[in-house]
PDB file of N, CA and C in Angstrom:
ATOM      1  N   MET A   1     121.225  91.212 131.867  1.00  0.00           N
ATOM      2  CA  MET A   1     121.230  91.797 131.158  1.00  0.00           C
ATOM      3  C   MET A   1     121.066  93.021 132.560  1.00  0.00           C
ATOM      4  N   SER A   2     122.044  93.445 132.905  1.00  0.00           N
ATOM      5  CA  SER A   2     121.737  95.134 133.703  1.00  0.00           C
ATOM      6  C   SER A   2     120.551  95.792 133.419  1.00  0.00           C
ATOM      7  N   ALA A   3     120.613  96.840 133.967  1.00  0.00           N
ATOM      8  CA  ALA A   3     119.809  98.224 134.186  1.00  0.00           C
ATOM      9  C   ALA A   3     121.272  98.312 133.191  1.00  0.00           C
ATOM     10  N   GLN A   4     122.252  98.883 133.847  1.00  0.00           N
ATOM     11  CA  GLN A   4     123.170  99.887 133.115  1.00  0.00           C
ATOM     12  C   GLN A   4     123.205  99.649 131.461  1.00  0.00           C
ATOM     13  N   SER A   5     123.256  97.961 131.049  1.00  0.00           N
ATOM     14  CA  SER A   5     123.797  98.106 129.806  1.00  0.00           C
ATOM     15  C   SER A   5     122.234  97.387 128.843  1.00  0.00           C
ATOM     16  N   SER A   6     121.178  97.672 129.404  1.00  0.00           N
ATOM     17  CA  SER A   6     120.111  97.933 128.494  1.00  0.00           C
ATOM     18  C   SER A   6     120.032  99.085 127.597  1.00  0.00           C
ATOM     19  N   PRO A   7     119.755  99.066 126.620  1.00  0.00           N
ATOM     20  CA  PRO A   7     119.303 100.355 125.780  1.00  0.00           C
ATOM     21  C   PRO A   7     118.119 100.995 126.476  1.00  0.00           C
ATOM     22  N   ALA A   8     117.825 102.908 126.456  1.00  0.00           N
ATOM     23  CA  ALA A   8     117.224 103.628 126.678  1.00  0.00           C
ATOM     24  C   ALA A   8     115.690 103.576 125.442  1.00  0.00           C
ATOM     25  N   MET A   9     116.426 103.214 124.492  1.00  0.00           N
ATOM     26  CA  MET A   9     115.702 103.139 123.330  1.00  0.00           C
ATOM     27  C   MET A   9     116.484 102.804 121.876  1.00  0.00           C
ATOM     28  N   SER A  10     115.634 102.247 121.343  1.00  0.00           N
ATOM     29  CA  SER A  10     116.481 101.868 120.440  1.00  0.00           C
ATOM     30  C   SER A  10     115.480 102.458 118.751  1.00  0.00           C
ATOM     31  N   VAL A  11     116.948 102.944 117.843  1.00  0.00           N
ATOM     32  CA  VAL A  11     116.421 103.804 116.969  1.00  0.00           C
ATOM     33  C   VAL A  11     117.109 102.903 115.922  1.00  0.00           C
ATOM     34  N   ILE A  12     115.194 103.065 115.138  1.00  0.00           N
ATOM     35  CA  ILE A  12     115.951 102.047 113.943  1.00  0.00           C
ATOM     36  C   ILE A  12     115.852 102.692 112.054  1.00  0.00           C
ATOM     37  N   ILE A  13     117.100 102.105 111.738  1.00  0.00           N
ATOM     38  CA  ILE A  13     117.174 102.907 110.476  1.00  0.00           C
ATOM     39  C   ILE A  13     117.458 102.046 109.458  1.00  0.00           C
ATOM     40  N   VAL A  14     116.592 102.656 107.941  1.00  0.00           N
ATOM     41  CA  VAL A  14     116.760 101.522 106.766  1.00  0.00           C
ATOM     42  C   VAL A  14     117.400 102.348 106.141  1.00  0.00           C
ATOM     43  N   THR A  15     118.449 101.494 105.603  1.00  0.00           N
ATOM     44  CA  THR A  15     119.650 101.993 104.480  1.00  0.00           C
ATOM     45  C   THR A  15     120.021 101.092 103.367  1.00  0.00           C
ATOM     46  N   ASP A  16     120.291 101.907 102.503  1.00  0.00           N
ATOM     47  CA  ASP A  16     121.638 100.718 101.468  1.00  0.00           C
ATOM     48  C   ASP A  16     122.549 101.199 102.347  1.00  0.00           C
ATOM     49  N   ARG A  17     123.107 102.188 102.330  1.00  0.00           N
ATOM     50  CA  ARG A  17     125.178 102.559 102.473  1.00  0.00           C
ATOM     51  C   ARG A  17     124.946 103.379 103.897  1.00  0.00           C
ATOM     52  N   TYR A  18     126.260 103.207 103.965  1.00  0.00           N
ATOM     53  CA  TYR A  18     126.391 104.260 105.591  1.00  0.00           C
ATOM     54  C   TYR A  18     125.708 105.871 104.967  1.00  0.00           C
ATOM     55  N   GLN A  19     126.741 105.998 104.097  1.00  0.00           N
ATOM     56  CA  GLN A  19     126.685 107.296 103.419  1.00  0.00           C
ATOM     57  C   GLN A  19     125.268 108.242 103.634  1.00  0.00           C
ATOM     58  N   THR A  20     124.072 107.774 102.945  1.00  0.00           N
ATOM     59  CA  THR A  20     122.839 107.878 102.995  1.00  0.00           C
ATOM     60  C   THR A  20     122.134 108.377 104.401  1.00  0.00           C
ATOM     61  N   ILE A  21     122.949 107.576 105.354  1.00  0.00           N
ATOM     62  CA  ILE A  21     122.561 107.915 107.004  1.00  0.00           C
ATOM     63  C   ILE A  21     123.451 108.647 107.877  1.00  0.00           C
ATOM     64  N   ARG A  22     124.891 109.009 107.413  1.00  0.00           N
ATOM     65  CA  ARG A  22     125.272 109.618 107.997  1.00  0.00           C
ATOM     66  C   ARG A  22     124.911 111.054 108.524  1.00  0.00           C
ATOM     67  N   LYS A  23     124.134 111.785 108.254  1.00  0.00           N
ATOM     68  CA  LYS A  23     123.485 113.060 108.722  1.00  0.00           C
ATOM     69  C   LYS A  23     122.356 112.631 109.786  1.00  0.00           C
ATOM     70  N   THR A  24     121.855 111.438 109.734  1.00  0.00           N
ATOM     71  CA  THR A  24     121.082 111.194 110.996  1.00  0.00           C
ATOM     72  C   THR A  24     122.045 110.465 112.143  1.00  0.00           C
ATOM     73  N   VAL A  25     123.179 110.190 111.735  1.00  0.00           N
ATOM     74  CA  VAL A  25     123.793 109.302 112.877  1.00  0.00           C
ATOM     75  C   VAL A  25     124.049 110.357 113.605  1.00  0.00           C
ATOM     76  N   ARG A  26     125.171 111.559 112.442  1.00  0.00           N
ATOM     77  CA  ARG A  26     125.300 112.330 113.573  1.00  0.00           C
ATOM     78  C   ARG A  26     124.542 113.422 114.082  1.00  0.00           C
ATOM     79  N   HIS A  27     123.803 113.376 114.057  1.00  0.00           N
ATOM     80  CA  HIS A  27     122.664 114.056 114.676  1.00  0.00           C
ATOM     81  C   HIS A  27     122.317 113.366 116.031  1.00  0.00           C
ATOM     82  N   LEU A  28     121.858 112.144 116.230  1.00  0.00           N
ATOM     83  CA  LEU A  28     121.971 111.347 116.800  1.00  0.00           C
ATOM     84  C   LEU A  28     122.775 111.737 117.893  1.00  0.00           C
ATOM     85  N   ARG A  29     124.347 111.702 117.740  1.00  0.00           N
ATOM     86  CA  ARG A  29     125.317 111.946 118.533  1.00  0.00           C
ATOM     87  C   ARG A  29     125.245 113.028 119.249  1.00  0.00           C
ATOM     88  N   THR A  30     124.680 113.771 119.061  1.00  0.00           N
ATOM     89  CA  THR A  30     124.545 115.438 119.293  1.00  0.00           C
ATOM     90  C   THR A  30     123.171 114.963 120.966  1.00  0.00           C
ATOM     91  N   GLU A  31     122.913 113.961 120.595  1.00  0.00           N
ATOM     92  CA  GLU A  31     121.584 114.072 122.166  1.00  0.00           C
ATOM     93  C   GLU A  31     122.793 113.148 123.111  1.00  0.00           C
ATOM     94  N   THR A  32     121.985 113.990 124.560  1.00  0.00           N
ATOM     95  CA  THR A  32     122.294 113.864 126.059  1.00  0.00           C
ATOM     96  C   THR A  32     122.764 112.124 126.221  1.00  0.00           C
ATOM     97  N   ALA A  33     121.727 111.626 125.267  1.00  0.00           N
ATOM     98  CA  ALA A  33     121.427 110.141 125.799  1.00  0.00           C
ATOM     99  C   ALA A  33     121.813 109.277 124.767  1.00  0.00           C
ATOM    100  N   LYS A  34     123.071 109.517 124.490  1.00  0.00           N
ATOM    101  CA  LYS A  34     123.687 109.196 122.695  1.00  0.00           C
ATOM    102  C   LYS A  34     124.082 107.515 123.475  1.00  0.00           C
ATOM    103  N   ASP A  35     124.885 107.620 124.293  1.00  0.00           N
ATOM    104  CA  ASP A  35     125.257 106.447 125.198  1.00  0.00           C
ATOM    105  C   ASP A  35     124.806 105.313 126.178  1.00  0.00           C
ATOM    106  N   ARG A  36     122.959 105.773 125.898  1.00  0.00           N
ATOM    107  CA  ARG A  36     121.973 104.825 126.261  1.00  0.00           C
ATOM    108  C   ARG A  36     121.390 104.184 125.203  1.00  0.00           C
ATOM    109  N   LEU A  37     121.128 104.787 123.812  1.00  0.00           N
ATOM    110  CA  LEU A  37     120.667 104.499 122.378  1.00  0.00           C
ATOM    111  C   LEU A  37     121.212 103.720 121.739  1.00  0.00           C
ATOM    112  N   GLU A  38     120.481 102.769 121.047  1.00  0.00           N
ATOM    113  CA  GLU A  38     121.102 101.630 120.607  1.00  0.00           C
ATOM    114  C   GLU A  38     119.910 101.806 119.082  1.00  0.00           C
ATOM    115  N   LEU A  39     121.500 101.777 117.838  1.00  0.00           N
ATOM    116  CA  LEU A  39     120.964 101.841 116.628  1.00  0.00           C
ATOM    117  C   LEU A  39     120.842 100.224 115.695  1.00  0.00           C
ATOM    118  N   VAL A  40     119.521 100.188 115.512  1.00  0.00           N
ATOM    119  CA  VAL A  40     119.116  99.225 114.778  1.00  0.00           C
ATOM    120  C   VAL A  40     119.581  99.546 113.324  1.00  0.00           C
ATOM    121  N   ILE A  41     120.465  99.162 112.461  1.00  0.00           N
ATOM    122  CA  ILE A  41     120.941  99.850 110.752  1.00  0.00           C
ATOM    123  C   ILE A  41     120.119  98.234 110.088  1.00  0.00           C
ATOM    124  N   VAL A  42     119.320  98.427 109.476  1.00  0.00           N
ATOM    125  CA  VAL A  42     118.470  97.488 108.554  1.00  0.00           C
ATOM    126  C   VAL A  42     118.881  97.747 107.113  1.00  0.00           C
ATOM    127  N   THR A  43     119.745  96.847 106.735  1.00  0.00           N
ATOM    128  CA  THR A  43     119.814  96.799 105.393  1.00  0.00           C
ATOM    129  C   THR A  43     119.730  94.984 104.320  1.00  0.00           C
ATOM    130  N   PRO A  44     119.947  95.506 103.035  1.00  0.00           N
ATOM    131  CA  PRO A  44     119.787  94.925 102.494  1.00  0.00           C
ATOM    132  C   PRO A  44     120.694  94.148 102.701  1.00  0.00           C
ATOM    133  N   ALA A  45     122.661  94.738 102.298  1.00  0.00           N
ATOM    134  CA  ALA A  45     123.537  93.737 102.177  1.00  0.00           C
ATOM    135  C   ALA A  45     124.461  94.379 103.224  1.00  0.00           C
ATOM    136  N   ALA A  46     124.834  93.611 104.618  1.00  0.00           N
ATOM    137  CA  ALA A  46     125.629  94.345 105.211  1.00  0.00           C
ATOM    138  C   ALA A  46     127.222  94.840 104.806  1.00  0.00           C
ATOM    139  N   GLU A  47     128.090  93.963 104.055  1.00  0.00           N
ATOM    140  CA  GLU A  47     128.900  93.767 103.503  1.00  0.00           C
ATOM    141  C   GLU A  47     128.809  94.919 102.670  1.00  0.00           C
ATOM    142  N   GLN A  48     127.831  95.449 101.841  1.00  0.00           N
ATOM    143  CA  GLN A  48     128.088  96.736 101.286  1.00  0.00           C
ATOM    144  C   GLN A  48     127.476  98.333 102.079  1.00  0.00           C
ATOM    145  N   LEU A  49     127.338  98.168 103.341  1.00  0.00           N
ATOM    146  CA  LEU A  49     126.671  99.334 104.404  1.00  0.00           C
ATOM    147  C   LEU A  49     128.056 100.352 104.020  1.00  0.00           C
ATOM    148  N   ASP A  50     129.478  99.148 105.009  1.00  0.00           N
ATOM    149  CA  ASP A  50     130.729 100.679 104.495  1.00  0.00           C
ATOM    150  C   ASP A  50     130.847 101.606 106.374  1.00  0.00           C
ATOM    151  N   PRO A  51     129.991 101.344 107.403  1.00  0.00           N
ATOM    152  CA  PRO A  51     129.865 101.603 108.417  1.00  0.00           C
ATOM    153  C   PRO A  51     131.098 102.707 108.779  1.00  0.00           C
ATOM    154  N   ASP A  52     130.760 104.098 109.774  1.00  0.00           N
ATOM    155  CA  ASP A  52     131.983 104.457 109.638  1.00  0.00           C
ATOM    156  C   ASP A  52     132.213 104.085 111.119  1.00  0.00           C
ATOM    157  N   ASP A  53     132.878 103.528 111.691  1.00  0.00           N
ATOM    158  CA  ASP A  53     133.158 103.093 113.542  1.00  0.00           C
ATOM    159  C   ASP A  53     132.679 104.108 114.564  1.00  0.00           C
ATOM    160  N   ALA A  54     134.168 105.284 113.900  1.00  0.00           N
ATOM    161  CA  ALA A  54     134.239 106.246 114.312  1.00  0.00           C
ATOM    162  C   ALA A  54     132.503 106.809 114.782  1.00  0.00           C
ATOM    163  N   GLU A  55     132.516 107.022 114.193  1.00  0.00           N
ATOM    164  CA  GLU A  55     130.692 107.920 114.371  1.00  0.00           C
ATOM    165  C   GLU A  55     129.960 107.045 115.441  1.00  0.00           C
ATOM    166  N   LEU A  56     130.171 105.367 115.533  1.00  0.00           N
ATOM    167  CA  LEU A  56     129.343 104.415 115.445  1.00  0.00           C
ATOM    168  C   LEU A  56     129.517 104.227 117.145  1.00  0.00           C
ATOM    169  N   GLN A  57     130.532 104.578 117.483  1.00  0.00           N
ATOM    170  CA  GLN A  57     131.610 104.633 119.030  1.00  0.00           C
ATOM    171  C   GLN A  57     130.542 104.696 120.654  1.00  0.00           C
ATOM    172  N   ASP A  58     130.437 105.929 119.761  1.00  0.00           N
ATOM    173  CA  ASP A  58     129.529 106.299 121.338  1.00  0.00           C
ATOM    174  C   ASP A  58     127.817 105.861 121.514  1.00  0.00           C
ATOM    175  N   PHE A  59     127.649 105.256 120.780  1.00  0.00           N
ATOM    176  CA  PHE A  59     126.108 104.665 121.083  1.00  0.00           C
ATOM    177  C   PHE A  59     126.502 103.396 122.109  1.00  0.00           C
ATOM    178  N   LEU A  60     124.768 103.173 122.726  1.00  0.00           N
ATOM    179  CA  LEU A  60     125.344 102.005 123.926  1.00  0.00           C
ATOM    180  C   LEU A  60     125.676 100.578 123.037  1.00  0.00           C
ATOM    181  N   ARG A  61     124.771 100.638 121.457  1.00  0.00           N
ATOM    182  CA  ARG A  61     124.862  99.497 121.203  1.00  0.00           C
ATOM    183  C   ARG A  61     124.798  99.782 119.643  1.00  0.00           C
ATOM    184  N   VAL A  62     125.015  99.403 118.616  1.00  0.00           N
ATOM    185  CA  VAL A  62     125.140  99.501 117.069  1.00  0.00           C
ATOM    186  C   VAL A  62     124.979  97.872 116.346  1.00  0.00           C
ATOM    187  N   ARG A  63     123.254  97.712 116.039  1.00  0.00           N
ATOM    188  CA  ARG A  63     123.030  96.257 115.402  1.00  0.00           C
ATOM    189  C   ARG A  63     122.731  96.255 113.998  1.00  0.00           C
ATOM    190  N   VAL A  64     123.522  95.375 113.138  1.00  0.00           N
ATOM    191  CA  VAL A  64     123.228  94.980 111.794  1.00  0.00           C
ATOM    192  C   VAL A  64     122.494  94.270 111.500  1.00  0.00           C
ATOM    193  N   VAL A  65     121.196  94.938 110.618  1.00  0.00           N
ATOM    194  CA  VAL A  65     120.290  93.263 110.924  1.00  0.00           C
ATOM    195  C   VAL A  65     120.294  93.253 109.138  1.00  0.00           C
ATOM    196  N   GLU A  66     120.987  92.298 108.703  1.00  0.00           N
ATOM    197  CA  GLU A  66     121.069  92.026 107.037  1.00  0.00           C
ATOM    198  C   GLU A  66     119.178  91.183 106.731  1.00  0.00           C
ATOM    199  N   VAL A  67     118.892  91.784 105.803  1.00  0.00           N
ATOM    200  CA  VAL A  67     117.273  90.799 105.296  1.00  0.00           C
ATOM    201  C   VAL A  67     117.491  91.310 104.222  1.00  0.00           C
ATOM    202  N   GLY A  68     118.161  91.021 102.909  1.00  0.00           N
ATOM    203  CA  GLY A  68     118.454  91.000 101.898  1.00  0.00           C
ATOM    204  C   GLY A  68     117.259  91.397 101.199  1.00  0.00           C
ATOM    205  N   PRO A  69     116.415  91.406  99.875  1.00  0.00           N
ATOM    206  CA  PRO A  69     116.211  92.600  98.998  1.00  0.00           C
ATOM    207  C   PRO A  69     115.128  92.595  99.674  1.00  0.00           C
ATOM    208  N   LEU A  70     114.957  94.114  99.446  1.00  0.00           N
ATOM    209  CA  LEU A  70     113.528  94.757  99.917  1.00  0.00           C
ATOM    210  C   LEU A  70     112.761  94.533  99.590  1.00  0.00           C
ATOM    211  N   GLN A  71     111.651  94.326 101.019  1.00  0.00           N
ATOM    212  CA  GLN A  71     110.303  93.824 100.161  1.00  0.00           C
ATOM    213  C   GLN A  71     109.661  94.888 100.075  1.00  0.00           C
ATOM    214  N   SER A  72     110.150  95.617 101.282  1.00  0.00           N
ATOM    215  CA  SER A  72     108.934  96.966 100.966  1.00  0.00           C
ATOM    216  C   SER A  72     109.407  97.585 102.733  1.00  0.00           C
ATOM    217  N   LEU A  73     109.492  98.755 102.343  1.00  0.00           N
ATOM    218  CA  LEU A  73     110.056  99.984 103.648  1.00  0.00           C
ATOM    219  C   LEU A  73     109.363  98.514 105.005  1.00  0.00           C
ATOM    220  N   SER A  74     107.716  98.914 105.222  1.00  0.00           N
ATOM    221  CA  SER A  74     107.309  98.319 106.829  1.00  0.00           C
ATOM    222  C   SER A  74     107.980  97.551 105.998  1.00  0.00           C
ATOM    223  N   TRP A  75     108.534  96.345 105.795  1.00  0.00           N
ATOM    224  CA  TRP A  75     109.188  95.033 105.818  1.00  0.00           C
ATOM    225  C   TRP A  75     110.097  95.416 106.567  1.00  0.00           C
ATOM    226  N   ALA A  76     110.968  96.115 105.800  1.00  0.00           N
ATOM    227  CA  ALA A  76     112.014  96.381 107.050  1.00  0.00           C
ATOM    228  C   ALA A  76     112.129  96.976 107.790  1.00  0.00           C
ATOM    229  N   ARG A  77     111.414  98.065 108.141  1.00  0.00           N
ATOM    230  CA  ARG A  77     111.723  98.370 109.572  1.00  0.00           C
ATOM    231  C   ARG A  77     110.983  97.919 110.431  1.00  0.00           C
ATOM    232  N   ALA A  78     109.951  96.467 110.410  1.00  0.00           N
ATOM    233  CA  ALA A  78     109.049  95.220 110.735  1.00  0.00           C
ATOM    234  C   ALA A  78     110.359  94.645 111.535  1.00  0.00           C
ATOM    235  N   SER A  79     111.738  94.267 110.708  1.00  0.00           N
ATOM    236  CA  SER A  79     112.517  93.507 110.748  1.00  0.00           C
ATOM    237  C   SER A  79     113.448  93.782 111.914  1.00  0.00           C
ATOM    238  N   GLY A  80     113.853  95.504 111.390  1.00  0.00           N
ATOM    239  CA  GLY A  80     114.118  96.170 112.562  1.00  0.00           C
ATOM    240  C   GLY A  80     114.165  95.737 114.240  1.00  0.00           C
ATOM    241  N   VAL A  81     112.328  96.198 114.017  1.00  0.00           N
ATOM    242  CA  VAL A  81     111.653  96.450 115.751  1.00  0.00           C
ATOM    243  C   VAL A  81     111.791  94.975 115.791  1.00  0.00           C
ATOM    244  N   ARG A  82     111.887  93.905 115.429  1.00  0.00           N
ATOM    245  CA  ARG A  82     112.161  92.663 116.054  1.00  0.00           C
ATOM    246  C   ARG A  82     113.341  92.047 116.434  1.00  0.00           C
ATOM    247  N   GLN A  83     114.318  93.445 116.196  1.00  0.00           N
ATOM    248  CA  GLN A  83     115.583  92.550 116.515  1.00  0.00           C
ATOM    249  C   GLN A  83     115.513  93.921 117.639  1.00  0.00           C
ATOM    250  N   ALA A  84     115.416  94.561 117.646  1.00  0.00           N
ATOM    251  CA  ALA A  84     115.314  95.872 119.030  1.00  0.00           C
ATOM    252  C   ALA A  84     115.104  95.463 119.968  1.00  0.00           C
ATOM    253  N   SER A  85     116.211  95.497 120.968  1.00  0.00           N
ATOM    254  CA  SER A  85     116.202  95.505 122.578  1.00  0.00           C
ATOM    255  C   SER A  85     115.670  96.177 123.600  1.00  0.00           C
ATOM    256  N   ALA A  86     115.615  97.422 123.081  1.00  0.00           N
ATOM    257  CA  ALA A  86     115.136  98.388 124.339  1.00  0.00           C
ATOM    258  C   ALA A  86     113.269  98.518 124.194  1.00  0.00           C
ATOM    259  N   LEU A  87     112.569  99.050 124.909  1.00  0.00           N
ATOM    260  CA  LEU A  87     111.926  98.926 125.544  1.00  0.00           C
ATOM    261  C   LEU A  87     110.800 100.121 124.729  1.00  0.00           C
ATOM    262  N   TYR A  88     111.680 101.049 124.181  1.00  0.00           N
ATOM    263  CA  TYR A  88     111.574 102.158 123.214  1.00  0.00           C
ATOM    264  C   TYR A  88     111.725 101.937 122.009  1.00  0.00           C
ATOM    265  N   VAL A  89     110.974 101.492 121.276  1.00  0.00           N
ATOM    266  CA  VAL A  89     111.923 101.423 119.682  1.00  0.00           C
ATOM    267  C   VAL A  89     111.177 103.143 118.807  1.00  0.00           C
ATOM    268  N   PHE A  90     112.025 103.796 118.248  1.00  0.00           N
ATOM    269  CA  PHE A  90     111.796 104.612 117.552  1.00  0.00           C
ATOM    270  C   PHE A  90     112.318 104.398 115.661  1.00  0.00           C
ATOM    271  N   SER A  91     111.404 104.783 115.037  1.00  0.00           N
ATOM    272  CA  SER A  91     111.321 105.063 113.368  1.00  0.00           C
ATOM    273  C   SER A  91     111.913 106.191 113.078  1.00  0.00           C
ATOM    274  N   SER A  92     113.547 106.085 112.682  1.00  0.00           N
ATOM    275  CA  SER A  92     113.930 107.163 112.399  1.00  0.00           C
ATOM    276  C   SER A  92     113.336 108.312 110.560  1.00  0.00           C
ATOM    277  N   GLY A  93     112.312 108.878 111.075  1.00  0.00           N
ATOM    278  CA  GLY A  93     112.310 109.968 109.881  1.00  0.00           C
ATOM    279  C   GLY A  93     111.522 108.657 108.786  1.00  0.00           C
ATOM    280  N   ASP A  94     111.584 109.641 107.163  1.00  0.00           N
ATOM    281  CA  ASP A  94     111.228 108.405 106.314  1.00  0.00           C
ATOM    282  C   ASP A  94     112.282 108.265 105.595  1.00  0.00           C
ATOM    283  N   ALA A  95     112.381 106.688 105.813  1.00  0.00           N
ATOM    284  CA  ALA A  95     113.321 105.518 105.766  1.00  0.00           C
ATOM    285  C   ALA A  95     114.069 105.642 103.593  1.00  0.00           C
ATOM    286  N   MET A  96     112.370 106.038 102.875  1.00  0.00           N
ATOM    287  CA  MET A  96     113.105 106.814 101.574  1.00  0.00           C
ATOM    288  C   MET A  96     113.952 107.450 101.545  1.00  0.00           C
ATOM    289  N   GLU A  97     114.346 108.667 102.191  1.00  0.00           N
ATOM    290  CA  GLU A  97     115.257 108.926 101.737  1.00  0.00           C
ATOM    291  C   GLU A  97     116.916 108.778 102.707  1.00  0.00           C
ATOM    292  N   ARG A  98     116.728 107.962 102.890  1.00  0.00           N
ATOM    293  CA  ARG A  98     117.956 107.183 102.882  1.00  0.00           C
ATOM    294  C   ARG A  98     118.848 105.819 102.327  1.00  0.00           C
ATOM    295  N   LEU A  99     117.677 105.771 100.827  1.00  0.00           N
ATOM    296  CA  LEU A  99     117.584 104.347 100.366  1.00  0.00           C
ATOM    297  C   LEU A  99     118.481 105.323  98.948  1.00  0.00           C
ATOM    298  N   SER A 100     119.549 104.301  98.022  1.00  0.00           N
ATOM    299  CA  SER A 100     119.854 104.666  97.329  1.00  0.00           C
ATOM    300  C   SER A 100     118.839 105.017  95.785  1.00  0.00           C
ATOM    301  N   ARG A 101     118.663 105.628  94.606  1.00  0.00           N
ATOM    302  CA  ARG A 101     117.812 105.558  93.948  1.00  0.00           C
ATOM    303  C   ARG A 101     118.178 104.321  93.494  1.00  0.00           C
ATOM    304  N   LEU A 102     118.706 103.293  93.440  1.00  0.00           N
ATOM    305  CA  LEU A 102     119.046 102.116  92.903  1.00  0.00           C
ATOM    306  C   LEU A 102     118.274 101.314  93.566  1.00  0.00           C
ATOM    307  N   GLU A 103     118.646 101.350  94.585  1.00  0.00           N
ATOM    308  CA  GLU A 103     118.054  99.980  96.146  1.00  0.00           C
ATOM    309  C   GLU A 103     116.606 100.601  95.576  1.00  0.00           C
ATOM    310  N   LEU A 104     115.883 101.867  95.624  1.00  0.00           N
ATOM    311  CA  LEU A 104     114.085 102.499  95.432  1.00  0.00           C
ATOM    312  C   LEU A 104     113.693 101.059  94.208  1.00  0.00           C
ATOM    313  N   ASN A 105     114.549 101.503  93.153  1.00  0.00           N
ATOM    314  CA  ASN A 105     114.391 100.687  91.907  1.00  0.00           C
ATOM    315  C   ASN A 105     113.393  99.366  92.316  1.00  0.00           C
ATOM    316  N   LYS A 106     114.513  98.864  93.085  1.00  0.00           N
ATOM    317  CA  LYS A 106     114.383  97.320  93.403  1.00  0.00           C
ATOM    318  C   LYS A 106     113.144  96.603  93.691  1.00  0.00           C
ATOM    319  N   ILE A 107     112.225  97.702  94.687  1.00  0.00           N
ATOM    320  CA  ILE A 107     111.315  97.491  95.612  1.00  0.00           C
ATOM    321  C   ILE A 107     109.812  97.837  94.160  1.00  0.00           C
ATOM    322  N   PRO A 108     109.543  96.777  94.249  1.00  0.00           N
ATOM    323  CA  PRO A 108     108.419  96.813  92.895  1.00  0.00           C
ATOM    324  C   PRO A 108     107.736  98.019  92.969  1.00  0.00           C
ATOM    325  N   HIS A 109     106.532  97.937  93.973  1.00  0.00           N
ATOM    326  CA  HIS A 109     106.153  99.596  94.297  1.00  0.00           C
ATOM    327  C   HIS A 109     106.216 100.556  94.346  1.00  0.00           C
ATOM    328  N   LEU A 110     107.580 101.041  94.624  1.00  0.00           N
ATOM    329  CA  LEU A 110     108.469 102.161  94.316  1.00  0.00           C
ATOM    330  C   LEU A 110     108.421 102.205  93.037  1.00  0.00           C
ATOM    331  N   ALA A 111     109.060 101.283  92.414  1.00  0.00           N
ATOM    332  CA  ALA A 111     110.119 101.282  91.424  1.00  0.00           C
ATOM    333  C   ALA A 111     108.863 101.820  90.245  1.00  0.00           C
ATOM    334  N   LYS A 112     107.591 101.475  90.268  1.00  0.00           N
ATOM    335  CA  LYS A 112     106.466 101.482  89.685  1.00  0.00           C
ATOM    336  C   LYS A 112     106.289 103.526  89.826  1.00  0.00           C
ATOM    337  N   ARG A 113     105.523 103.552  90.385  1.00  0.00           N
ATOM    338  CA  ARG A 113     105.706 105.056  90.989  1.00  0.00           C
ATOM    339  C   ARG A 113     106.748 106.056  90.678  1.00  0.00           C
ATOM    340  N   ASP A 114     107.800 105.208  90.940  1.00  0.00           N
ATOM    341  CA  ASP A 114     109.003 106.115  90.386  1.00  0.00           C
ATOM    342  C   ASP A 114     109.054 106.360  88.460  1.00  0.00           C
ATOM    343  N   ARG A 115     108.612 105.439  88.328  1.00  0.00           N
ATOM    344  CA  ARG A 115     108.728 105.984  86.927  1.00  0.00           C
ATOM    345  C   ARG A 115     107.196 106.304  85.926  1.00  0.00           C
ATOM    346  N   GLN A 116     106.402 106.046  86.962  1.00  0.00           N
ATOM    347  CA  GLN A 116     105.080 107.025  86.605  1.00  0.00           C
ATOM    348  C   GLN A 116     105.463 108.537  86.779  1.00  0.00           C
ATOM    349  N   ALA A 117     105.906 108.981  87.803  1.00  0.00           N
ATOM    350  CA  ALA A 117     105.929 110.355  88.137  1.00  0.00           C
ATOM    351  C   ALA A 117     107.403 110.996  86.834  1.00  0.00           C
ATOM    352  N   GLU A 118     108.191 110.262  86.585  1.00  0.00           N
ATOM    353  CA  GLU A 118     108.993 110.171  85.934  1.00  0.00           C
ATOM    354  C   GLU A 118     108.490 110.950  84.279  1.00  0.00           C
ATOM    355  N   ALA A 119     107.529 110.338  83.738  1.00  0.00           N
ATOM    356  CA  ALA A 119     106.436 109.973  82.846  1.00  0.00           C
ATOM    357  C   ALA A 119     105.253 111.347  82.664  1.00  0.00           C
ATOM    358  N   VAL A 120     105.258 112.196  83.861  1.00  0.00           N
ATOM    359  CA  VAL A 120     104.578 112.927  83.701  1.00  0.00           C
ATOM    360  C   VAL A 120     105.556 114.570  83.609  1.00  0.00           C
TER     361      VAL A 120
END
């Protein structure tokens, strides 16, 4: 792999649907170094992601990491970090905002917290 084809930074994004990360991707597209960024999109099911290829084409590389049912957000991020190829890796903010409520309820400790908040 040549220096030109190596990403300067990998950005890890955990989501279940592309729609929930569209704003983040659009923001990353405004970066002057977007052509040196690798996006690592971690998702429970790749076939349900439905990415917008036109929005992703400006990045050096886009990897979709399918992890099956989410055990935790930290576990999902770690799965993305293991697949990242850049020397520098960035996790994009609070991944909980990028998961649909349906997917969040599948993570046991988050579903319990959500039910407790609704009871108050």
